[in-house]
């Protein structure tokens, strides 16, 4: 069981860790650095003390906020140490909730705990989280707001893929043709990608395309042949730098409006490692 002295040491370590930096978007695996360039730091997690939650019965939870990444994402978590009445350290904590990161007073990222958002680039982030902390044994259950300042100096990784759209906005009672152009700008990775579009389910929007690479997704158990009319899923295999792919979709609205959002999933090289892909948010087409 940890002592008070141990806990004080942990807090000192966390405070010292707040001066560390995260390295994002380092050189691709197997590709040498340019001559004379400094070696990239390995992926790391940066933590800082964020506050202490207290209960009426003497319960306490000491919470930290952490940001960690080795990818173009900002991953935020809120580890905590639970203390039973009398000062004893509990047997582990579960933390959940939501977080918001501000830079120069402007909200640049947010999400659930633990969770990730696109990395906005280097800077000092004021991170605020609404957290619930529970001990595994159930004798500590506290909620509140915690805050920490985290300084990240790693550069924002250059994008490897991008999605553009022409056409729109959408209008009720009409059919609109949208043409999406999907680019792969990096020599790393391969030409495989999954492109998805989805409208608002309750609006009655219908998405259709003549592109053989695309389908309306199939749902239900076999032998169901029901498909989602408000979504389209495309499997691409020939994305190359200098050779973008285009997908044209017809969007039909009834009397109600709907937006159409898009996303692109893609592969990047890491041999046989399981998690080798990325996900890119595409443009949203609005309704006038």
Foldseek 3Di string as FASTA:
>chain_A
DDDPVRVVVVQVVLQVLLPDAAAEQADPPPDDDPPPDDHTDAWDKHKHWWDKFADPQQKIKTWIWIWTDHYQKTWIAIAIWIAAHPGHTADGKDKWWKKFKDFPRHTDDIDIHGDIDGRPFFGKIKMKTWMWMAGPVRRDTTTDMTIDIHGHHHGRHDDQKAKDKDWDQAEAQDKIKIKMKIAGADPFAFFKKKKKKFKDQVQPKFKDFPDPQKDQDADDDPPDRDGRRGMMMGITGHHDHVDIDMGMMMIHGHRDWIKMWMKMKGAGDDDPDDPGIDMGTHDIRGYD
